[in-house]
């Protein structure tokens, strides 16, 4: 009888461990997706800022060249 109780307890513990692993996996995927979204947003913002700086720098250099030719 004690062996059946031990096996039942062992079964319950095993199920709890498996459910815990599934929860950890889901949590990890959620964190990973969130991190990916944040990294993408930062990358796009950096790219847009660099483009804007480049365009404005080009305009300033063009204006300086135009003024120096006059």
PDB file of N, CA and C in Angstrom:
ATOM      1  N   UNK A   1       0.812  -1.192   0.000  1.00  0.00           N
ATOM      2  CA  UNK A   1       0.000   0.000   0.000  1.00  0.00           C
ATOM      3  C   UNK A   1       0.861   1.263   0.000  1.00  0.00           C
ATOM      4  N   UNK A   2       1.929   1.239   0.744  1.00  0.00           N
ATOM      5  CA  UNK A   2       2.811   2.399   0.804  1.00  0.00           C
ATOM      6  C   UNK A   2       3.442   2.678  -0.545  1.00  0.00           C
ATOM      7  N   UNK A   3       3.703   1.640  -1.334  1.00  0.00           N
ATOM      8  CA  UNK A   3       4.302   1.803  -2.657  1.00  0.00           C
ATOM      9  C   UNK A   3       3.330   2.509  -3.582  1.00  0.00           C
ATOM     10  N   UNK A   4       2.035   2.229  -3.506  1.00  0.00           N
ATOM     11  CA  UNK A   4       1.033   2.888  -4.344  1.00  0.00           C
ATOM     12  C   UNK A   4       0.931   4.366  -3.998  1.00  0.00           C
ATOM     13  N   UNK A   5       0.998   4.677  -2.737  1.00  0.00           N
ATOM     14  CA  UNK A   5       0.950   6.088  -2.314  1.00  0.00           C
ATOM     15  C   UNK A   5       2.192   6.819  -2.811  1.00  0.00           C
ATOM     16  N   UNK A   6       3.347   6.176  -2.688  1.00  0.00           N
ATOM     17  CA  UNK A   6       4.594   6.760  -3.166  1.00  0.00           C
ATOM     18  C   UNK A   6       4.536   7.007  -4.665  1.00  0.00           C
ATOM     19  N   UNK A   7       4.014   6.055  -5.428  1.00  0.00           N
ATOM     20  CA  UNK A   7       3.896   6.196  -6.878  1.00  0.00           C
ATOM     21  C   UNK A   7       2.920   7.316  -7.236  1.00  0.00           C
ATOM     22  N   UNK A   8       1.831   7.440  -6.494  1.00  0.00           N
ATOM     23  CA  UNK A   8       0.860   8.500  -6.750  1.00  0.00           C
ATOM     24  C   UNK A   8       1.490   9.867  -6.488  1.00  0.00           C
ATOM     25  N   UNK A   9       2.209   9.968  -5.379  1.00  0.00           N
ATOM     26  CA  UNK A   9       2.869  11.240  -5.052  1.00  0.00           C
ATOM     27  C   UNK A   9       3.926  11.563  -6.103  1.00  0.00           C
ATOM     28  N   UNK A  10       4.678  10.558  -6.513  1.00  0.00           N
ATOM     29  CA  UNK A  10       5.691  10.747  -7.542  1.00  0.00           C
ATOM     30  C   UNK A  10       5.060  11.188  -8.860  1.00  0.00           C
ATOM     31  N   UNK A  11       3.911  10.628  -9.199  1.00  0.00           N
ATOM     32  CA  UNK A  11       3.185  11.016 -10.412  1.00  0.00           C
ATOM     33  C   UNK A  11       2.730  12.464 -10.357  1.00  0.00           C
ATOM     34  N   UNK A  12       2.196  12.867  -9.221  1.00  0.00           N
ATOM     35  CA  UNK A  12       1.734  14.254  -9.059  1.00  0.00           C
ATOM     36  C   UNK A  12       2.910  15.222  -9.162  1.00  0.00           C
ATOM     37  N   UNK A  13       4.011  14.864  -8.545  1.00  0.00           N
ATOM     38  CA  UNK A  13       5.207  15.722  -8.612  1.00  0.00           C
ATOM     39  C   UNK A  13       5.697  15.829 -10.054  1.00  0.00           C
ATOM     40  N   UNK A  14       5.703  14.725 -10.764  1.00  0.00           N
ATOM     41  CA  UNK A  14       6.142  14.742 -12.166  1.00  0.00           C
ATOM     42  C   UNK A  14       5.261  15.641 -13.016  1.00  0.00           C
ATOM     43  N   UNK A  15       3.954  15.553 -12.824  1.00  0.00           N
ATOM     44  CA  UNK A  15       3.023  16.400 -13.579  1.00  0.00           C
ATOM     45  C   UNK A  15       3.259  17.866 -13.248  1.00  0.00           C
ATOM     46  N   UNK A  16       3.465  18.173 -11.985  1.00  0.00           N
ATOM     47  CA  UNK A  16       3.722  19.570 -11.590  1.00  0.00           C
ATOM     48  C   UNK A  16       5.002  20.096 -12.227  1.00  0.00           C
ATOM     49  N   UNK A  17       6.027  19.266 -12.274  1.00  0.00           N
ATOM     50  CA  UNK A  17       7.289  19.692 -12.890  1.00  0.00           C
ATOM     51  C   UNK A  17       7.085  19.962 -14.372  1.00  0.00           C
ATOM     52  N   UNK A  18       6.359  19.072 -15.062  1.00  0.00           N
ATOM     53  CA  UNK A  18       6.109  19.277 -16.493  1.00  0.00           C
ATOM     54  C   UNK A  18       5.296  20.540 -16.746  1.00  0.00           C
ATOM     55  N   UNK A  19       4.296  20.786 -15.920  1.00  0.00           N
ATOM     56  CA  UNK A  19       3.489  22.004 -16.082  1.00  0.00           C
ATOM     57  C   UNK A  19       4.333  23.247 -15.817  1.00  0.00           C
ATOM     58  N   UNK A  20       5.218  23.163 -14.845  1.00  0.00           N
ATOM     59  CA  UNK A  20       6.111  24.282 -14.547  1.00  0.00           C
ATOM     60  C   UNK A  20       7.034  24.581 -15.717  1.00  0.00           C
ATOM     61  N   UNK A  21       7.530  23.532 -16.371  1.00  0.00           N
ATOM     62  CA  UNK A  21       8.403  23.722 -17.532  1.00  0.00           C
ATOM     63  C   UNK A  21       7.643  24.402 -18.676  1.00  0.00           C
ATOM     64  N   UNK A  22       6.397  24.003 -18.878  1.00  0.00           N
ATOM     65  CA  UNK A  22       5.587  24.615 -19.932  1.00  0.00           C
ATOM     66  C   UNK A  22       5.357  26.096 -19.641  1.00  0.00           C
ATOM     67  N   UNK A  23       5.100  26.422 -18.389  1.00  0.00           N
ATOM     68  CA  UNK A  23       4.899  27.823 -18.008  1.00  0.00           C
ATOM     69  C   UNK A  23       6.173  28.630 -18.228  1.00  0.00           C
ATOM     70  N   UNK A  24       7.305  28.058 -17.865  1.00  0.00           N
ATOM     71  CA  UNK A  24       8.581  28.760 -18.065  1.00  0.00           C
ATOM     72  C   UNK A  24       8.841  28.985 -19.549  1.00  0.00           C
ATOM     73  N   UNK A  25       8.518  27.991 -20.368  1.00  0.00           N
ATOM     74  CA  UNK A  25       8.714  28.123 -21.808  1.00  0.00           C
ATOM     75  C   UNK A  25       7.844  29.253 -22.363  1.00  0.00           C
ATOM     76  N   UNK A  26       6.576  29.290 -21.962  1.00  0.00           N
ATOM     77  CA  UNK A  26       5.678  30.349 -22.432  1.00  0.00           C
ATOM     78  C   UNK A  26       6.158  31.724 -21.980  1.00  0.00           C
ATOM     79  N   UNK A  27       6.609  31.801 -20.740  1.00  0.00           N
ATOM     80  CA  UNK A  27       7.116  33.072 -20.225  1.00  0.00           C
ATOM     81  C   UNK A  27       8.354  33.510 -21.005  1.00  0.00           C
ATOM     82  N   UNK A  28       9.233  32.577 -21.286  1.00  0.00           N
ATOM     83  CA  UNK A  28      10.436  32.895 -22.058  1.00  0.00           C
ATOM     84  C   UNK A  28      10.104  33.376 -23.454  1.00  0.00           C
ATOM     85  N   UNK A  29       9.117  32.742 -24.090  1.00  0.00           N
ATOM     86  CA  UNK A  29       8.719  33.178 -25.433  1.00  0.00           C
ATOM     87  C   UNK A  29       8.135  34.582 -25.393  1.00  0.00           C
ATOM     88  N   UNK A  30       7.319  34.865 -24.381  1.00  0.00           N
ATOM     89  CA  UNK A  30       6.722  36.195 -24.254  1.00  0.00           C
ATOM     90  C   UNK A  30       7.794  37.251 -24.056  1.00  0.00           C
ATOM     91  N   UNK A  31       8.749  36.967 -23.194  1.00  0.00           N
ATOM     92  CA  UNK A  31       9.843  37.915 -22.953  1.00  0.00           C
ATOM     93  C   UNK A  31      10.663  38.095 -24.229  1.00  0.00           C
ATOM     94  N   UNK A  32      10.912  37.004 -24.929  1.00  0.00           N
ATOM     95  CA  UNK A  32      11.685  37.080 -26.168  1.00  0.00           C
ATOM     96  C   UNK A  32      10.998  37.925 -27.227  1.00  0.00           C
ATOM     97  N   UNK A  33       9.682  37.751 -27.365  1.00  0.00           N
ATOM     98  CA  UNK A  33       8.936  38.548 -28.344  1.00  0.00           C
ATOM     99  C   UNK A  33       8.945  40.019 -27.972  1.00  0.00           C
ATOM    100  N   UNK A  34       8.778  40.301 -26.688  1.00  0.00           N
ATOM    101  CA  UNK A  34       8.813  41.696 -26.233  1.00  0.00           C
ATOM    102  C   UNK A  34      10.165  42.329 -26.465  1.00  0.00           C
ATOM    103  N   UNK A  35      11.217  41.582 -26.176  1.00  0.00           N
ATOM    104  CA  UNK A  35      12.577  42.077 -26.387  1.00  0.00           C
ATOM    105  C   UNK A  35      12.827  42.344 -27.866  1.00  0.00           C
ATOM    106  N   UNK A  36      12.344  41.457 -28.710  1.00  0.00           N
ATOM    107  CA  UNK A  36      12.515  41.626 -30.159  1.00  0.00           C
ATOM    108  C   UNK A  36      11.814  42.898 -30.629  1.00  0.00           C
ATOM    109  N   UNK A  37      10.596  43.132 -30.129  1.00  0.00           N
ATOM    110  CA  UNK A  37       9.857  44.332 -30.521  1.00  0.00           C
ATOM    111  C   UNK A  37      10.582  45.600 -30.085  1.00  0.00           C
ATOM    112  N   UNK A  38      11.101  45.589 -28.864  1.00  0.00           N
ATOM    113  CA  UNK A  38      11.832  46.761 -28.357  1.00  0.00           C
ATOM    114  C   UNK A  38      13.097  46.998 -29.179  1.00  0.00           C
ATOM    115  N   UNK A  39      13.830  45.924 -29.463  1.00  0.00           N
ATOM    116  CA  UNK A  39      15.066  46.063 -30.239  1.00  0.00           C
ATOM    117  C   UNK A  39      14.765  46.574 -31.646  1.00  0.00           C
ATOM    118  N   UNK A  40      13.684  46.094 -32.244  1.00  0.00           N
ATOM    119  CA  UNK A  40      13.297  46.559 -33.574  1.00  0.00           C
ATOM    120  C   UNK A  40      12.939  48.040 -33.540  1.00  0.00           C
ATOM    121  N   UNK A  41      12.190  48.450 -32.533  1.00  0.00           N
ATOM    122  CA  UNK A  41      11.809  49.863 -32.408  1.00  0.00           C
ATOM    123  C   UNK A  41      13.036  50.754 -32.232  1.00  0.00           C
ATOM    124  N   UNK A  42      13.962  50.317 -31.397  1.00  0.00           N
ATOM    125  CA  UNK A  42      15.185  51.096 -31.185  1.00  0.00           C
ATOM    126  C   UNK A  42      15.992  51.169 -32.476  1.00  0.00           C
ATOM    127  N   UNK A  43      16.079  50.049 -33.178  1.00  0.00           N
ATOM    128  CA  UNK A  43      16.820  50.028 -34.440  1.00  0.00           C
ATOM    129  C   UNK A  43      16.221  50.954 -35.471  1.00  0.00           C
ATOM    130  N   UNK A  44      14.899  50.941 -35.577  1.00  0.00           N
ATOM    131  CA  UNK A  44      14.234  51.820 -36.546  1.00  0.00           C
ATOM    132  C   UNK A  44      14.410  53.282 -36.161  1.00  0.00           C
ATOM    133  N   UNK A  45      14.305  53.576 -34.870  1.00  0.00           N
ATOM    134  CA  UNK A  45      14.486  54.961 -34.423  1.00  0.00           C
ATOM    135  C   UNK A  45      15.913  55.429 -34.696  1.00  0.00           C
ATOM    136  N   UNK A  46      16.885  54.569 -34.445  1.00  0.00           N
ATOM    137  CA  UNK A  46      18.284  54.921 -34.715  1.00  0.00           C
ATOM    138  C   UNK A  46      18.504  55.165 -36.201  1.00  0.00           C
ATOM    139  N   UNK A  47      17.934  54.293 -37.025  1.00  0.00           N
ATOM    140  CA  UNK A  47      18.073  54.439 -38.480  1.00  0.00           C
ATOM    141  C   UNK A  47      17.447  55.754 -38.933  1.00  0.00           C
ATOM    142  N   UNK A  48      16.256  56.059 -38.449  1.00  0.00           N
ATOM    143  CA  UNK A  48      15.574  57.291 -38.843  1.00  0.00           C
ATOM    144  C   UNK A  48      16.350  58.528 -38.389  1.00  0.00           C
ATOM    145  N   UNK A  49      16.908  58.465 -37.190  1.00  0.00           N
ATOM    146  CA  UNK A  49      17.701  59.594 -36.685  1.00  0.00           C
ATOM    147  C   UNK A  49      18.946  59.793 -37.539  1.00  0.00           C
ATOM    148  N   UNK A  50      19.608  58.696 -37.884  1.00  0.00           N
ATOM    149  CA  UNK A  50      20.812  58.805 -38.720  1.00  0.00           C
ATOM    150  C   UNK A  50      20.474  59.368 -40.099  1.00  0.00           C
ATOM    151  N   UNK A  51      19.349  58.948 -40.668  1.00  0.00           N
ATOM    152  CA  UNK A  51      18.924  59.484 -41.973  1.00  0.00           C
ATOM    153  C   UNK A  51      18.672  60.983 -41.877  1.00  0.00           C
ATOM    154  N   UNK A  52      17.977  61.381 -40.827  1.00  0.00           N
ATOM    155  CA  UNK A  52      17.656  62.797 -40.652  1.00  0.00           C
ATOM    156  C   UNK A  52      18.926  63.630 -40.486  1.00  0.00           C
ATOM    157  N   UNK A  53      19.847  63.144 -39.689  1.00  0.00           N
ATOM    158  CA  UNK A  53      21.112  63.862 -39.493  1.00  0.00           C
ATOM    159  C   UNK A  53      21.871  63.954 -40.817  1.00  0.00           C
ATOM    160  N   UNK A  54      21.888  62.857 -41.551  1.00  0.00           N
ATOM    161  CA  UNK A  54      22.581  62.848 -42.839  1.00  0.00           C
ATOM    162  C   UNK A  54      21.980  63.824 -43.828  1.00  0.00           C
ATOM    163  N   UNK A  55      20.652  63.866 -43.909  1.00  0.00           N
ATOM    164  CA  UNK A  55      19.988  64.783 -44.839  1.00  0.00           C
ATOM    165  C   UNK A  55      20.253  66.236 -44.453  1.00  0.00           C
ATOM    166  N   UNK A  56      20.138  66.525 -43.153  1.00  0.00           N
ATOM    167  CA  UNK A  56      20.360  67.897 -42.700  1.00  0.00           C
ATOM    168  C   UNK A  56      21.815  68.313 -42.895  1.00  0.00           C
ATOM    169  N   UNK A  57      22.743  67.408 -42.660  1.00  0.00           N
ATOM    170  CA  UNK A  57      24.155  67.706 -42.879  1.00  0.00           C
ATOM    171  C   UNK A  57      24.412  67.997 -44.351  1.00  0.00           C
ATOM    172  N   UNK A  58      23.796  67.212 -45.220  1.00  0.00           N
ATOM    173  CA  UNK A  58      23.949  67.410 -46.663  1.00  0.00           C
ATOM    174  C   UNK A  58      23.419  68.800 -47.069  1.00  0.00           C
ATOM    175  N   UNK A  59      22.279  69.193 -46.476  1.00  0.00           N
ATOM    176  CA  UNK A  59      21.709  70.519 -46.784  1.00  0.00           C
ATOM    177  C   UNK A  59      22.647  71.629 -46.325  1.00  0.00           C
ATOM    178  N   UNK A  60      23.196  71.490 -45.129  1.00  0.00           N
ATOM    179  CA  UNK A  60      24.089  72.517 -44.588  1.00  0.00           C
ATOM    180  C   UNK A  60      25.341  72.634 -45.454  1.00  0.00           C
ATOM    181  N   UNK A  61      25.923  71.514 -45.826  1.00  0.00           N
ATOM    182  CA  UNK A  61      27.125  71.533 -46.673  1.00  0.00           C
ATOM    183  C   UNK A  61      26.798  72.153 -48.026  1.00  0.00           C
ATOM    184  N   UNK A  62      25.643  71.817 -48.563  1.00  0.00           N
ATOM    185  CA  UNK A  62      25.229  72.386 -49.840  1.00  0.00           C
ATOM    186  C   UNK A  62      25.061  73.899 -49.730  1.00  0.00           C
ATOM    187  N   UNK A  63      24.437  74.357 -48.641  1.00  0.00           N
ATOM    188  CA  UNK A  63      24.263  75.797 -48.432  1.00  0.00           C
ATOM    189  C   UNK A  63      25.612  76.491 -48.277  1.00  0.00           C
ATOM    190  N   UNK A  64      26.528  75.882 -47.555  1.00  0.00           N
ATOM    191  CA  UNK A  64      27.861  76.481 -47.370  1.00  0.00           C
ATOM    192  C   UNK A  64      28.570  76.574 -48.719  1.00  0.00           C
ATOM    193  N   UNK A  65      28.475  75.521 -49.521  1.00  0.00           N
ATOM    194  CA  UNK A  65      29.119  75.543 -50.847  1.00  0.00           C
ATOM    195  C   UNK A  65      28.492  76.596 -51.740  1.00  0.00           C
ATOM    196  N   UNK A  66      27.165  76.735 -51.694  1.00  0.00           N
ATOM    197  CA  UNK A  66      26.487  77.733 -52.491  1.00  0.00           C
ATOM    198  C   UNK A  66      26.891  79.141 -52.080  1.00  0.00           C
ATOM    199  N   UNK A  67      27.002  79.374 -50.781  1.00  0.00           N
ATOM    200  CA  UNK A  67      27.385  80.689 -50.267  1.00  0.00           C
ATOM    201  C   UNK A  67      28.834  81.011 -50.572  1.00  0.00           C
ATOM    202  N   UNK A  68      29.703  80.050 -50.571  1.00  0.00           N
ATOM    203  CA  UNK A  68      31.122  80.314 -50.824  1.00  0.00           C
ATOM    204  C   UNK A  68      31.387  80.559 -52.311  1.00  0.00           C
ATOM    205  N   UNK A  69      30.522  80.077 -53.176  1.00  0.00           N
ATOM    206  CA  UNK A  69      30.696  80.295 -54.610  1.00  0.00           C
ATOM    207  C   UNK A  69      30.246  81.703 -55.015  1.00  0.00           C
ATOM    208  N   UNK A  70      29.421  82.328 -54.208  1.00  0.00           N
ATOM    209  CA  UNK A  70      28.881  83.663 -54.570  1.00  0.00           C
ATOM    210  C   UNK A  70      29.839  84.755 -54.283  1.00  0.00           C
TER     211      UNK A  70
END
